[in-house]
Amino acid sequence: MSEPAIELMDVSRRFGPKVAVDGVSLRIESGQVYGLIGPNGAGKTTTFSMMCGYLRPTRGQVRVMGVTPSAEGALKGKLGVLPQDAVLPGGWKVGPLLMYWARLSGLEAPEREARESLEKVGLLEAWSVETSALSHGMGKRVALAQALMGRPPLVLLDEPTAGMDPRIAHQVRQVILDMRGQRTVVVSSHNLQELEQLCDAAAILDRGRLVQAGSIADLTSQGAEFRVQVARGAILLPELEALPGVTAARLEGEHLLHVRFDGLAHKPEEVISRVVGHLLQSGVLILGVSRGQRLEERVLQLT
């Protein structure tokens, strides 16, 4: 098995008497877009900070691309980071600031790196703008551009689209998707719909502990269930619940049917076909079928 991009082994972090992270073990494979999920106080930012090398664990071991991230210079040129509350220094214009950071990172052609990274986040026009004149969303994009310079093999992004308008957030999501398979990207976010769209896998944290980790498909399909989007027609729930394998059926609103089934005794494709066939015979028109839960529902169940 190849070495993971990031591995946490029984990692804990205390701040005095408070345990922020409690015995977390986690493996993130190279090339994945990986999500860190959890409510406020779950330990996401502390875990993120230990991955970056900003914090040392109180107990356990963190390995990032085969090295201890807190060791001086261990990840120089290999890691791009967007902290949650990145603050740009005053007294700089955007372009020169990015060029300065590029030189600190030892990158060749600092101006080219700075311009290319600004273009990726849709902010090339801000090259000569004072950092103090940037809006919150623009400042966040400049900080993201810094994280992308030099095309580092590992990029850690804490709330990358928070405070951005929908068009720019979409552009940033596309930047992340374009890195899939080419670089390893860890995204910490409260936007679960966004993470479901972006991530190959994720870890759900709650009160400092790892509740569950796995692929997005695994996390959202833990229960044997599926949904049917209905265009129109009368649905008789007792008839559906009488079908072999179906354990429960309910309507969410007028047009979304939620069906649970016995996944041990019945194959999913057989139950889904049985239910859909019954609906069609009953004159119900169907727009689509989706397997599993939404990520948001799974997180709410576990935290």
C-alpha atoms as a PDB file:
ATOM      1  CA  MET A   1       0.000   0.000   0.000  1.00  0.00           C
ATOM      2  CA  SER A   2       1.390   3.426  -0.956  1.00  0.00           C
ATOM      3  CA  GLU A   3       2.157   6.004   1.696  1.00  0.00           C
ATOM      4  CA  PRO A   4      -0.841   8.239   2.463  1.00  0.00           C
ATOM      5  CA  ALA A   5      -0.680  11.991   1.940  1.00  0.00           C
ATOM      6  CA  ILE A   6      -1.744  12.531   5.574  1.00  0.00           C
ATOM      7  CA  GLU A   7      -1.962  10.121   8.478  1.00  0.00           C
ATOM      8  CA  LEU A   8      -3.089  10.827  12.036  1.00  0.00           C
ATOM      9  CA  MET A   9      -2.357   8.089  14.563  1.00  0.00           C
ATOM     10  CA  ASP A  10      -4.254   8.291  17.872  1.00  0.00           C
ATOM     11  CA  VAL A  11      -3.867  12.070  17.882  1.00  0.00           C
ATOM     12  CA  SER A  12      -5.068  14.212  20.789  1.00  0.00           C
ATOM     13  CA  ARG A  13      -4.663  17.899  21.474  1.00  0.00           C
ATOM     14  CA  ARG A  14      -5.328  19.635  24.782  1.00  0.00           C
ATOM     15  CA  PHE A  15      -5.537  23.312  25.612  1.00  0.00           C
ATOM     16  CA  GLY A  16      -5.087  23.213  29.375  1.00  0.00           C
ATOM     17  CA  PRO A  17      -7.941  21.092  30.746  1.00  0.00           C
ATOM     18  CA  LYS A  18      -9.912  21.263  27.476  1.00  0.00           C
ATOM     19  CA  VAL A  19      -9.561  18.337  25.071  1.00  0.00           C
ATOM     20  CA  ALA A  20     -10.054  19.732  21.561  1.00  0.00           C
ATOM     21  CA  VAL A  21      -9.111  16.532  19.690  1.00  0.00           C
ATOM     22  CA  ASP A  22      -9.406  13.150  21.375  1.00  0.00           C
ATOM     23  CA  GLY A  23      -7.691  10.052  19.956  1.00  0.00           C
ATOM     24  CA  VAL A  24      -8.301  10.660  16.258  1.00  0.00           C
ATOM     25  CA  SER A  25      -6.829   8.216  13.733  1.00  0.00           C
ATOM     26  CA  LEU A  26      -7.249   9.135  10.086  1.00  0.00           C
ATOM     27  CA  ARG A  27      -5.720   8.296   6.701  1.00  0.00           C
ATOM     28  CA  ILE A  28      -5.995  10.526   3.634  1.00  0.00           C
ATOM     29  CA  GLU A  29      -4.795   9.070   0.344  1.00  0.00           C
ATOM     30  CA  SER A  30      -2.826  11.011  -2.253  1.00  0.00           C
ATOM     31  CA  GLY A  31      -4.935  12.656  -4.942  1.00  0.00           C
ATOM     32  CA  GLN A  32      -8.124  12.746  -2.882  1.00  0.00           C
ATOM     33  CA  VAL A  33     -10.317  15.726  -2.164  1.00  0.00           C
ATOM     34  CA  TYR A  34     -11.051  15.054   1.496  1.00  0.00           C
ATOM     35  CA  GLY A  35     -13.581  16.798   3.740  1.00  0.00           C
ATOM     36  CA  LEU A  36     -13.425  17.581   7.452  1.00  0.00           C
ATOM     37  CA  ILE A  37     -16.982  17.814   8.768  1.00  0.00           C
ATOM     38  CA  GLY A  38     -18.502  18.648  12.114  1.00  0.00           C
ATOM     39  CA  PRO A  39     -20.352  21.280  14.141  1.00  0.00           C
ATOM     40  CA  ASN A  40     -18.638  24.166  15.900  1.00  0.00           C
ATOM     41  CA  GLY A  41     -16.346  22.815  18.603  1.00  0.00           C
ATOM     42  CA  ALA A  42     -15.964  19.448  16.863  1.00  0.00           C
ATOM     43  CA  GLY A  43     -12.183  19.802  16.556  1.00  0.00           C
ATOM     44  CA  LYS A  44     -12.000  20.505  12.822  1.00  0.00           C
ATOM     45  CA  THR A  45      -9.831  23.617  12.993  1.00  0.00           C
ATOM     46  CA  THR A  46      -7.508  22.070  15.593  1.00  0.00           C
ATOM     47  CA  THR A  47      -7.117  18.948  13.439  1.00  0.00           C
ATOM     48  CA  PHE A  48      -6.542  21.153  10.408  1.00  0.00           C
ATOM     49  CA  SER A  49      -3.905  23.162  12.302  1.00  0.00           C
ATOM     50  CA  MET A  50      -2.025  20.004  13.305  1.00  0.00           C
ATOM     51  CA  MET A  51      -2.020  18.848   9.672  1.00  0.00           C
ATOM     52  CA  CYS A  52      -0.504  22.205   8.698  1.00  0.00           C
ATOM     53  CA  GLY A  53       2.127  22.029  11.421  1.00  0.00           C
ATOM     54  CA  TYR A  54       0.752  25.097  13.207  1.00  0.00           C
ATOM     55  CA  LEU A  55       0.096  22.972  16.308  1.00  0.00           C
ATOM     56  CA  ARG A  56       1.821  19.912  17.732  1.00  0.00           C
ATOM     57  CA  PRO A  57      -0.337  17.091  19.064  1.00  0.00           C
ATOM     58  CA  THR A  58      -0.373  16.559  22.810  1.00  0.00           C
ATOM     59  CA  ARG A  59      -0.384  12.815  22.109  1.00  0.00           C
ATOM     60  CA  GLY A  60      -0.084  10.667  19.019  1.00  0.00           C
ATOM     61  CA  GLN A  61       1.603  11.294  15.695  1.00  0.00           C
ATOM     62  CA  VAL A  62       0.821  13.314  12.583  1.00  0.00           C
ATOM     63  CA  ARG A  63       2.576  12.465   9.318  1.00  0.00           C
ATOM     64  CA  VAL A  64       2.160  14.642   6.229  1.00  0.00           C
ATOM     65  CA  MET A  65       3.778  13.390   3.020  1.00  0.00           C
ATOM     66  CA  GLY A  66       6.032  11.201   5.131  1.00  0.00           C
ATOM     67  CA  VAL A  67       7.318  13.907   7.489  1.00  0.00           C
ATOM     68  CA  THR A  68       6.340  15.529  10.776  1.00  0.00           C
ATOM     69  CA  PRO A  69       4.612  18.757   9.654  1.00  0.00           C
ATOM     70  CA  SER A  70       5.779  20.839  12.624  1.00  0.00           C
ATOM     71  CA  ALA A  71       9.455  20.194  11.832  1.00  0.00           C
ATOM     72  CA  GLU A  72      11.096  23.374  10.548  1.00  0.00           C
ATOM     73  CA  GLY A  73      11.060  23.572   6.748  1.00  0.00           C
ATOM     74  CA  ALA A  74       9.688  20.037   6.370  1.00  0.00           C
ATOM     75  CA  LEU A  75       6.850  21.054   4.049  1.00  0.00           C
ATOM     76  CA  LYS A  76       8.305  24.148   2.365  1.00  0.00           C
ATOM     77  CA  GLY A  77       7.137  24.223  -1.243  1.00  0.00           C
ATOM     78  CA  LYS A  78       4.991  21.113  -0.718  1.00  0.00           C
ATOM     79  CA  LEU A  79       2.017  22.566   1.144  1.00  0.00           C
ATOM     80  CA  GLY A  80      -0.434  25.362   0.378  1.00  0.00           C
ATOM     81  CA  VAL A  81      -2.686  26.533   3.206  1.00  0.00           C
ATOM     82  CA  LEU A  82      -5.781  28.729   3.442  1.00  0.00           C
ATOM     83  CA  PRO A  83      -6.531  29.330   7.154  1.00  0.00           C
ATOM     84  CA  GLN A  84     -10.122  29.964   8.192  1.00  0.00           C
ATOM     85  CA  ASP A  85      -9.592  33.596   9.170  1.00  0.00           C
ATOM     86  CA  ALA A  86      -6.708  34.531   6.903  1.00  0.00           C
ATOM     87  CA  VAL A  87      -5.840  38.211   7.372  1.00  0.00           C
ATOM     88  CA  LEU A  88      -3.786  40.022   4.741  1.00  0.00           C
ATOM     89  CA  PRO A  89      -1.115  42.429   5.973  1.00  0.00           C
ATOM     90  CA  GLY A  90      -1.772  46.121   5.398  1.00  0.00           C
ATOM     91  CA  GLY A  91       0.466  48.454   3.423  1.00  0.00           C
ATOM     92  CA  TRP A  92       0.713  46.126   0.439  1.00  0.00           C
ATOM     93  CA  LYS A  93      -0.821  45.930  -3.001  1.00  0.00           C
ATOM     94  CA  VAL A  94      -2.107  42.505  -3.959  1.00  0.00           C
ATOM     95  CA  GLY A  95       0.363  41.673  -6.738  1.00  0.00           C
ATOM     96  CA  PRO A  96       3.548  42.666  -4.906  1.00  0.00           C
ATOM     97  CA  LEU A  97       2.348  40.851  -1.779  1.00  0.00           C
ATOM     98  CA  LEU A  98       1.843  37.598  -3.686  1.00  0.00           C
ATOM     99  CA  MET A  99       5.227  38.026  -5.371  1.00  0.00           C
ATOM    100  CA  TYR A 100       6.832  38.514  -1.957  1.00  0.00           C
ATOM    101  CA  TRP A 101       5.208  35.318  -0.681  1.00  0.00           C
ATOM    102  CA  ALA A 102       6.319  33.487  -3.838  1.00  0.00           C
ATOM    103  CA  ARG A 103       9.926  34.529  -3.227  1.00  0.00           C
ATOM    104  CA  LEU A 104       9.705  33.415   0.409  1.00  0.00           C
ATOM    105  CA  SER A 105       8.576  30.002  -0.844  1.00  0.00           C
ATOM    106  CA  GLY A 106      11.542  29.816  -3.196  1.00  0.00           C
ATOM    107  CA  LEU A 107       9.386  29.800  -6.320  1.00  0.00           C
ATOM    108  CA  GLU A 108      10.878  30.632  -9.683  1.00  0.00           C
ATOM    109  CA  ALA A 109       9.224  33.435 -11.682  1.00  0.00           C
ATOM    110  CA  PRO A 110       7.339  35.008  -8.728  1.00  0.00           C
ATOM    111  CA  GLU A 111       5.359  37.419 -10.904  1.00  0.00           C
ATOM    112  CA  ARG A 112       4.137  34.670 -13.194  1.00  0.00           C
ATOM    113  CA  GLU A 113       3.143  32.521 -10.218  1.00  0.00           C
ATOM    114  CA  ALA A 114       1.275  35.420  -8.630  1.00  0.00           C
ATOM    115  CA  ARG A 115      -0.601  36.346 -11.795  1.00  0.00           C
ATOM    116  CA  GLU A 116      -1.547  32.755 -12.611  1.00  0.00           C
ATOM    117  CA  SER A 117      -2.865  32.093  -9.115  1.00  0.00           C
ATOM    118  CA  LEU A 118      -4.887  35.330  -9.106  1.00  0.00           C
ATOM    119  CA  GLU A 119      -6.351  34.376 -12.466  1.00  0.00           C
ATOM    120  CA  LYS A 120      -7.402  30.985 -11.084  1.00  0.00           C
ATOM    121  CA  VAL A 121      -9.489  32.667  -8.372  1.00  0.00           C
ATOM    122  CA  GLY A 122     -10.898  35.280 -10.778  1.00  0.00           C
ATOM    123  CA  LEU A 123      -9.124  38.277  -9.257  1.00  0.00           C
ATOM    124  CA  LEU A 124      -6.404  39.305 -11.696  1.00  0.00           C
ATOM    125  CA  GLU A 125      -7.899  42.793 -11.889  1.00  0.00           C
ATOM    126  CA  ALA A 126      -6.982  43.341  -8.225  1.00  0.00           C
ATOM    127  CA  TRP A 127      -3.225  43.223  -8.921  1.00  0.00           C
ATOM    128  CA  SER A 128      -2.692  46.887  -8.004  1.00  0.00           C
ATOM    129  CA  VAL A 129      -5.368  47.160  -5.306  1.00  0.00           C
ATOM    130  CA  GLU A 130      -4.357  47.900  -1.717  1.00  0.00           C
ATOM    131  CA  THR A 131      -5.080  44.967   0.590  1.00  0.00           C
ATOM    132  CA  SER A 132      -6.916  47.322   2.958  1.00  0.00           C
ATOM    133  CA  ALA A 133      -9.397  48.145   0.177  1.00  0.00           C
ATOM    134  CA  LEU A 134     -10.418  44.531  -0.439  1.00  0.00           C
ATOM    135  CA  SER A 135     -13.798  43.187   0.641  1.00  0.00           C
ATOM    136  CA  HIS A 136     -13.892  40.093   2.864  1.00  0.00           C
ATOM    137  CA  GLY A 137     -14.594  37.832  -0.106  1.00  0.00           C
ATOM    138  CA  MET A 138     -11.831  39.383  -2.213  1.00  0.00           C
ATOM    139  CA  GLY A 139      -9.348  39.060   0.651  1.00  0.00           C
ATOM    140  CA  LYS A 140     -10.285  35.395   0.977  1.00  0.00           C
ATOM    141  CA  ARG A 141      -9.604  34.864  -2.715  1.00  0.00           C
ATOM    142  CA  VAL A 142      -6.180  36.520  -2.466  1.00  0.00           C
ATOM    143  CA  ALA A 143      -5.344  34.220   0.459  1.00  0.00           C
ATOM    144  CA  LEU A 144      -6.538  31.256  -1.638  1.00  0.00           C
ATOM    145  CA  ALA A 145      -4.346  32.413  -4.529  1.00  0.00           C
ATOM    146  CA  GLN A 146      -1.376  32.350  -2.125  1.00  0.00           C
ATOM    147  CA  ALA A 147      -2.193  28.746  -1.215  1.00  0.00           C
ATOM    148  CA  LEU A 148      -2.233  27.717  -4.886  1.00  0.00           C
ATOM    149  CA  MET A 149       1.068  29.291  -5.940  1.00  0.00           C
ATOM    150  CA  GLY A 150       3.706  26.835  -7.029  1.00  0.00           C
ATOM    151  CA  ARG A 151       1.160  24.044  -7.522  1.00  0.00           C
ATOM    152  CA  PRO A 152       1.955  22.333  -4.196  1.00  0.00           C
ATOM    153  CA  PRO A 153       1.096  18.617  -4.022  1.00  0.00           C
ATOM    154  CA  LEU A 154      -0.969  19.171  -0.854  1.00  0.00           C
ATOM    155  CA  VAL A 155      -3.491  21.991  -0.339  1.00  0.00           C
ATOM    156  CA  LEU A 156      -5.388  22.519   2.936  1.00  0.00           C
ATOM    157  CA  LEU A 157      -8.419  24.821   2.721  1.00  0.00           C
ATOM    158  CA  ASP A 158     -10.412  25.942   5.769  1.00  0.00           C
ATOM    159  CA  GLU A 159     -13.846  27.323   4.761  1.00  0.00           C
ATOM    160  CA  PRO A 160     -12.620  28.256   1.249  1.00  0.00           C
ATOM    161  CA  THR A 161     -15.908  29.702  -0.050  1.00  0.00           C
ATOM    162  CA  ALA A 162     -17.215  31.375   3.133  1.00  0.00           C
ATOM    163  CA  GLY A 163     -18.244  34.965   2.427  1.00  0.00           C
ATOM    164  CA  MET A 164     -18.106  34.620  -1.350  1.00  0.00           C
ATOM    165  CA  ASP A 165     -20.950  35.376  -3.724  1.00  0.00           C
ATOM    166  CA  PRO A 166     -22.429  32.353  -5.550  1.00  0.00           C
ATOM    167  CA  ARG A 167     -20.620  32.997  -8.847  1.00  0.00           C
ATOM    168  CA  ILE A 168     -17.178  33.241  -7.248  1.00  0.00           C
ATOM    169  CA  ALA A 169     -17.889  30.310  -4.914  1.00  0.00           C
ATOM    170  CA  HIS A 170     -18.723  28.222  -7.994  1.00  0.00           C
ATOM    171  CA  GLN A 171     -15.425  29.238  -9.575  1.00  0.00           C
ATOM    172  CA  VAL A 172     -13.484  28.290  -6.451  1.00  0.00           C
ATOM    173  CA  ARG A 173     -15.245  24.910  -6.309  1.00  0.00           C
ATOM    174  CA  GLN A 174     -14.198  24.327  -9.912  1.00  0.00           C
ATOM    175  CA  VAL A 175     -10.576  25.121  -9.001  1.00  0.00           C
ATOM    176  CA  ILE A 176     -10.790  22.456  -6.284  1.00  0.00           C
ATOM    177  CA  LEU A 177     -12.372  19.921  -8.628  1.00  0.00           C
ATOM    178  CA  ASP A 178      -9.634  20.547 -11.197  1.00  0.00           C
ATOM    179  CA  MET A 179      -7.045  19.503  -8.589  1.00  0.00           C
ATOM    180  CA  ARG A 180      -8.730  16.127  -7.958  1.00  0.00           C
ATOM    181  CA  GLY A 181      -6.363  13.282  -8.791  1.00  0.00           C
ATOM    182  CA  GLN A 182      -3.501  15.715  -9.386  1.00  0.00           C
ATOM    183  CA  ARG A 183      -3.022  16.979  -5.840  1.00  0.00           C
ATOM    184  CA  THR A 184      -4.345  16.132  -2.412  1.00  0.00           C
ATOM    185  CA  VAL A 185      -6.857  18.677  -1.123  1.00  0.00           C
ATOM    186  CA  VAL A 186      -8.320  18.778   2.394  1.00  0.00           C
ATOM    187  CA  VAL A 187     -11.379  21.003   2.783  1.00  0.00           C
ATOM    188  CA  SER A 188     -12.912  21.944   6.120  1.00  0.00           C
ATOM    189  CA  SER A 189     -16.366  23.480   5.712  1.00  0.00           C
ATOM    190  CA  HIS A 190     -19.825  23.839   7.209  1.00  0.00           C
ATOM    191  CA  ASN A 191     -21.305  23.767   3.704  1.00  0.00           C
ATOM    192  CA  LEU A 192     -22.245  20.092   3.510  1.00  0.00           C
ATOM    193  CA  GLN A 193     -23.852  20.349   0.099  1.00  0.00           C
ATOM    194  CA  GLU A 194     -20.582  21.778  -1.189  1.00  0.00           C
ATOM    195  CA  LEU A 195     -18.528  19.005   0.419  1.00  0.00           C
ATOM    196  CA  GLU A 196     -20.814  16.340  -1.003  1.00  0.00           C
ATOM    197  CA  GLN A 197     -20.181  17.801  -4.444  1.00  0.00           C
ATOM    198  CA  LEU A 198     -16.417  18.214  -4.038  1.00  0.00           C
ATOM    199  CA  CYS A 199     -15.090  15.385  -1.904  1.00  0.00           C
ATOM    200  CA  ASP A 200     -14.085  11.812  -2.621  1.00  0.00           C
ATOM    201  CA  ALA A 201     -14.090  11.018   1.100  1.00  0.00           C
ATOM    202  CA  ALA A 202     -14.602  12.731   4.444  1.00  0.00           C
ATOM    203  CA  ALA A 203     -14.273  12.441   8.205  1.00  0.00           C
ATOM    204  CA  ILE A 204     -17.070  13.446  10.563  1.00  0.00           C
ATOM    205  CA  LEU A 205     -15.871  14.831  13.896  1.00  0.00           C
ATOM    206  CA  ASP A 206     -17.918  15.580  17.010  1.00  0.00           C
ATOM    207  CA  ARG A 207     -16.646  16.867  20.366  1.00  0.00           C
ATOM    208  CA  GLY A 208     -13.087  16.114  19.355  1.00  0.00           C
ATOM    209  CA  ARG A 209     -13.695  12.486  18.409  1.00  0.00           C
ATOM    210  CA  LEU A 210     -13.822  10.818  15.024  1.00  0.00           C
ATOM    211  CA  VAL A 211     -17.407   9.626  14.570  1.00  0.00           C
ATOM    212  CA  GLN A 212     -17.078   8.153  11.103  1.00  0.00           C
ATOM    213  CA  ALA A 213     -14.792   8.316   8.073  1.00  0.00           C
ATOM    214  CA  GLY A 214     -15.032   6.901   4.580  1.00  0.00           C
ATOM    215  CA  SER A 215     -15.893   7.673   1.003  1.00  0.00           C
ATOM    216  CA  ILE A 216     -18.783  10.048   0.370  1.00  0.00           C
ATOM    217  CA  ALA A 217     -20.656   7.127  -1.191  1.00  0.00           C
ATOM    218  CA  ASP A 218     -20.148   5.097   1.993  1.00  0.00           C
ATOM    219  CA  LEU A 219     -21.174   7.940   4.285  1.00  0.00           C
ATOM    220  CA  THR A 220     -24.343   8.738   2.387  1.00  0.00           C
ATOM    221  CA  SER A 221     -25.388   5.129   1.725  1.00  0.00           C
ATOM    222  CA  GLN A 222     -24.966   3.693   5.214  1.00  0.00           C
ATOM    223  CA  GLY A 223     -28.687   3.099   5.489  1.00  0.00           C
ATOM    224  CA  ALA A 224     -30.426   0.853   2.969  1.00  0.00           C
ATOM    225  CA  GLU A 225     -32.624   3.554   1.496  1.00  0.00           C
ATOM    226  CA  PHE A 226     -33.379   5.520  -1.623  1.00  0.00           C
ATOM    227  CA  ARG A 227     -35.481   8.454  -2.786  1.00  0.00           C
ATOM    228  CA  VAL A 228     -37.862   8.826  -5.686  1.00  0.00           C
ATOM    229  CA  GLN A 229     -38.542  12.285  -7.116  1.00  0.00           C
ATOM    230  CA  VAL A 230     -42.178  12.315  -8.189  1.00  0.00           C
ATOM    231  CA  ALA A 231     -43.659  14.586 -10.856  1.00  0.00           C
ATOM    232  CA  ARG A 232     -47.292  13.781 -10.131  1.00  0.00           C
ATOM    233  CA  GLY A 233     -49.595  10.967  -9.129  1.00  0.00           C
ATOM    234  CA  ALA A 234     -51.144   9.462  -6.016  1.00  0.00           C
ATOM    235  CA  ILE A 235     -48.789   7.396  -3.831  1.00  0.00           C
ATOM    236  CA  LEU A 236     -50.324   4.817  -1.521  1.00  0.00           C
ATOM    237  CA  LEU A 237     -47.745   4.240   1.186  1.00  0.00           C
ATOM    238  CA  PRO A 238     -49.335   1.068   2.677  1.00  0.00           C
ATOM    239  CA  GLU A 239     -49.101  -0.634  -0.729  1.00  0.00           C
ATOM    240  CA  LEU A 240     -45.416   0.242  -1.013  1.00  0.00           C
ATOM    241  CA  GLU A 241     -44.682  -0.984   2.518  1.00  0.00           C
ATOM    242  CA  ALA A 242     -46.296  -4.307   1.619  1.00  0.00           C
ATOM    243  CA  LEU A 243     -43.767  -4.913  -1.169  1.00  0.00           C
ATOM    244  CA  PRO A 244     -41.074  -7.545  -0.432  1.00  0.00           C
ATOM    245  CA  GLY A 245     -38.016  -5.988   1.195  1.00  0.00           C
ATOM    246  CA  VAL A 246     -39.549  -2.571   1.927  1.00  0.00           C
ATOM    247  CA  THR A 247     -39.469  -1.719   5.639  1.00  0.00           C
ATOM    248  CA  ALA A 248     -40.778   1.866   5.551  1.00  0.00           C
ATOM    249  CA  ALA A 249     -42.015   4.469   3.103  1.00  0.00           C
ATOM    250  CA  ARG A 250     -42.830   8.115   3.700  1.00  0.00           C
ATOM    251  CA  LEU A 251     -43.342  11.289   1.756  1.00  0.00           C
ATOM    252  CA  GLU A 252     -41.083  14.297   2.283  1.00  0.00           C
ATOM    253  CA  GLY A 253     -43.271  17.117   1.047  1.00  0.00           C
ATOM    254  CA  GLU A 254     -45.512  16.372  -1.923  1.00  0.00           C
ATOM    255  CA  HIS A 255     -42.954  15.164  -4.437  1.00  0.00           C
ATOM    256  CA  LEU A 256     -40.205  13.228  -2.668  1.00  0.00           C
ATOM    257  CA  LEU A 257     -40.711   9.611  -1.648  1.00  0.00           C
ATOM    258  CA  HIS A 258     -38.257   8.164   0.894  1.00  0.00           C
ATOM    259  CA  VAL A 259     -38.046   4.352   1.034  1.00  0.00           C
ATOM    260  CA  ARG A 260     -36.085   2.185   3.475  1.00  0.00           C
ATOM    261  CA  PHE A 261     -35.481  -1.513   2.836  1.00  0.00           C
ATOM    262  CA  ASP A 262     -33.845  -4.613   4.242  1.00  0.00           C
ATOM    263  CA  GLY A 263     -30.431  -4.460   2.575  1.00  0.00           C
ATOM    264  CA  LEU A 264     -29.281  -7.768   4.061  1.00  0.00           C
ATOM    265  CA  ALA A 265     -32.029  -9.970   2.696  1.00  0.00           C
ATOM    266  CA  HIS A 266     -32.728  -8.058  -0.533  1.00  0.00           C
ATOM    267  CA  LYS A 267     -30.508  -6.614  -3.254  1.00  0.00           C
ATOM    268  CA  PRO A 268     -30.922  -2.833  -3.642  1.00  0.00           C
ATOM    269  CA  GLU A 269     -31.528  -3.000  -7.383  1.00  0.00           C
ATOM    270  CA  GLU A 270     -34.356  -5.498  -6.883  1.00  0.00           C
ATOM    271  CA  VAL A 271     -36.152  -3.395  -4.261  1.00  0.00           C
ATOM    272  CA  ILE A 272     -35.727  -0.185  -6.243  1.00  0.00           C
ATOM    273  CA  SER A 273     -37.037  -1.827  -9.415  1.00  0.00           C
ATOM    274  CA  ARG A 274     -39.977  -3.290  -7.483  1.00  0.00           C
ATOM    275  CA  VAL A 275     -40.957   0.070  -5.996  1.00  0.00           C
ATOM    276  CA  VAL A 276     -40.514   2.019  -9.230  1.00  0.00           C
ATOM    277  CA  GLY A 277     -42.469  -0.616 -11.167  1.00  0.00           C
ATOM    278  CA  HIS A 278     -45.333  -0.409  -8.690  1.00  0.00           C
ATOM    279  CA  LEU A 279     -45.406   3.380  -8.909  1.00  0.00           C
ATOM    280  CA  LEU A 280     -45.451   3.338 -12.710  1.00  0.00           C
ATOM    281  CA  GLN A 281     -48.268   0.766 -12.748  1.00  0.00           C
ATOM    282  CA  SER A 282     -50.180   3.060 -10.389  1.00  0.00           C
ATOM    283  CA  GLY A 283     -49.893   5.967 -12.818  1.00  0.00           C
ATOM    284  CA  VAL A 284     -47.206   7.870 -10.877  1.00  0.00           C
ATOM    285  CA  LEU A 285     -44.793   9.842 -13.067  1.00  0.00           C
ATOM    286  CA  ILE A 286     -41.174   9.786 -11.872  1.00  0.00           C
ATOM    287  CA  LEU A 287     -38.435  12.376 -12.394  1.00  0.00           C
ATOM    288  CA  GLY A 288     -35.550  10.451 -10.840  1.00  0.00           C
ATOM    289  CA  VAL A 289     -34.223   8.001  -8.259  1.00  0.00           C
ATOM    290  CA  SER A 290     -31.280   8.590  -5.911  1.00  0.00           C
ATOM    291  CA  ARG A 291     -29.628   6.117  -3.573  1.00  0.00           C
ATOM    292  CA  GLY A 292     -28.704   6.811   0.035  1.00  0.00           C
ATOM    293  CA  GLN A 293     -28.954   9.854   2.259  1.00  0.00           C
ATOM    294  CA  ARG A 294     -27.875  13.398   1.826  1.00  0.00           C
ATOM    295  CA  LEU A 295     -24.595  14.086   3.584  1.00  0.00           C
ATOM    296  CA  GLU A 296     -26.325  16.675   5.755  1.00  0.00           C
ATOM    297  CA  GLU A 297     -28.775  14.094   7.065  1.00  0.00           C
ATOM    298  CA  ARG A 298     -25.965  11.660   7.871  1.00  0.00           C
ATOM    299  CA  VAL A 299     -24.024  14.306   9.786  1.00  0.00           C
ATOM    300  CA  LEU A 300     -27.115  15.329  11.747  1.00  0.00           C
ATOM    301  CA  GLN A 301     -27.664  11.698  12.715  1.00  0.00           C
ATOM    302  CA  LEU A 302     -24.118  11.307  14.006  1.00  0.00           C
ATOM    303  CA  THR A 303     -23.437  14.635  15.743  1.00  0.00           C
END
